[in-house]
Amino acid sequence: MVEPLKGKAFASSITRSVAQRVTALPGSAPKLAVVLVGNDAASEIRCSQKDPQLPRGWHCSLHHRLPAKAMQAEVAELLSEMNPDPDVAGVLLQLPLPAHLDVMG
């Protein structure tokens, strides 16, 4: 008989494990940069929920918002500026992007 996976308990154990490893890292707390292009309502909600979902010790202190009319080059430039930043452990480009932008850019 197959036993159903207890999703919340499983997610909680993974979050605890990651939090322990993150707090053991040398240096400052890792930061997640979130980039939102446009004004998709669902994306805005998901971006606002990132902080509470991050493992303990992480911070989503870098929020970047570009207008829906932003061009591919503007998005690429912002991402390129964050890439070498040693304080940024990850960059999340929230999808969907406006139709005129190519996610693979």
Protein backbone atom coordinates (compact mmCIF):
# COMPACT_ATOMS: atom_id res chain seq x y z
CA MET A 1 0.00 0.00 0.00
CA VAL A 2 1.30 3.42 -0.93
CA GLU A 3 1.44 5.95 1.88
CA PRO A 4 0.62 9.53 0.91
CA LEU A 5 3.39 12.07 1.24
CA LYS A 6 2.83 14.56 4.02
CA GLY A 7 3.78 17.66 2.04
CA LYS A 8 3.90 20.25 4.84
CA ALA A 9 6.02 18.06 7.11
CA PHE A 10 8.35 17.19 4.23
CA ALA A 11 8.72 20.84 3.21
CA SER A 12 9.34 21.85 6.81
CA SER A 13 12.14 19.29 7.19
CA ILE A 14 13.81 20.51 3.99
CA THR A 15 13.51 24.14 5.09
CA ARG A 16 15.10 23.31 8.47
CA SER A 17 17.94 21.43 6.79
CA VAL A 18 18.66 24.28 4.37
CA ALA A 19 18.46 26.86 7.17
CA GLN A 20 21.05 24.95 9.20
CA ARG A 21 23.43 24.84 6.25
CA VAL A 22 22.85 28.51 5.41
CA THR A 23 23.56 29.71 8.95
CA ALA A 24 26.81 27.73 8.89
CA LEU A 25 28.06 29.63 5.83
CA PRO A 26 30.80 32.19 6.46
CA GLY A 27 30.09 35.86 5.89
CA SER A 28 26.84 37.75 5.76
CA ALA A 29 23.41 36.25 5.32
CA PRO A 30 22.65 35.26 1.72
CA LYS A 31 20.34 37.60 -0.16
CA LEU A 32 17.85 36.79 -2.86
CA ALA A 33 17.22 39.44 -5.50
CA VAL A 34 13.72 39.39 -6.96
CA VAL A 35 13.03 41.06 -10.32
CA LEU A 36 9.45 41.76 -11.33
CA VAL A 37 8.78 43.15 -14.80
CA GLY A 38 5.31 44.54 -15.38
CA ASN A 39 2.25 44.41 -13.20
CA ASP A 40 0.92 40.85 -13.34
CA ALA A 41 -1.25 40.59 -10.21
CA ALA A 42 -0.39 36.95 -9.46
CA SER A 43 3.33 37.69 -9.86
CA GLU A 44 3.07 40.60 -7.45
CA ILE A 45 1.51 38.30 -4.85
CA ARG A 46 4.17 35.63 -5.37
CA CYS A 47 6.95 38.21 -5.03
CA SER A 48 5.47 39.55 -1.80
CA GLN A 49 5.44 36.02 -0.40
CA LYS A 50 9.13 35.31 -1.04
CA ASP A 51 10.47 36.61 2.30
CA PRO A 52 8.41 34.34 4.54
CA GLN A 53 9.23 31.32 2.36
CA LEU A 54 12.99 31.77 2.50
CA PRO A 55 15.00 29.62 4.89
CA ARG A 56 15.92 31.25 8.19
CA GLY A 57 18.99 33.41 7.71
CA TRP A 58 18.15 34.37 4.13
CA HIS A 59 16.86 37.79 3.19
CA CYS A 60 14.90 38.90 0.17
CA SER A 61 16.04 42.44 0.65
CA LEU A 62 16.70 43.23 -2.98
CA HIS A 63 13.45 43.86 -4.84
CA HIS A 64 13.70 45.29 -8.33
CA ARG A 65 10.70 46.35 -10.32
CA LEU A 66 10.72 47.30 -13.97
CA PRO A 67 7.76 48.70 -15.91
CA ALA A 68 5.81 46.46 -18.31
CA LYS A 69 7.24 48.45 -21.22
CA ALA A 70 10.86 47.69 -20.20
CA MET A 71 12.95 46.50 -23.11
CA GLN A 72 14.98 43.30 -23.26
CA ALA A 73 18.22 45.25 -22.89
CA GLU A 74 17.00 46.91 -19.67
CA VAL A 75 16.16 43.57 -18.07
CA ALA A 76 19.45 42.06 -19.20
CA GLU A 77 21.40 45.03 -17.86
CA LEU A 78 19.77 44.78 -14.43
CA LEU A 79 20.48 41.05 -14.25
CA SER A 80 24.08 41.64 -15.36
CA GLU A 81 24.59 44.25 -12.63
CA MET A 82 23.45 41.82 -9.93
CA ASN A 83 25.47 38.87 -11.20
CA PRO A 84 28.90 39.93 -9.82
CA ASP A 85 27.48 41.23 -6.50
CA PRO A 86 28.97 38.99 -3.77
CA ASP A 87 26.04 39.76 -1.46
CA VAL A 88 23.53 38.26 -3.91
CA ALA A 89 23.27 34.48 -3.57
CA GLY A 90 20.47 34.15 -6.12
CA VAL A 91 18.39 36.09 -8.58
CA LEU A 92 14.76 35.29 -9.27
CA LEU A 93 13.26 36.71 -12.45
CA GLN A 94 9.55 36.37 -11.79
CA LEU A 95 7.55 34.89 -14.63
CA PRO A 96 5.50 35.49 -16.66
CA LEU A 97 7.28 38.31 -18.41
CA PRO A 98 5.39 40.77 -20.62
CA ALA A 99 4.75 39.26 -24.06
CA HIS A 100 7.39 41.35 -25.85
CA LEU A 101 10.21 39.95 -23.70
CA ASP A 102 12.04 36.68 -24.31
CA VAL A 103 12.82 34.77 -21.14
CA MET A 104 15.84 33.17 -22.84
CA GLY A 105 16.87 36.65 -24.04
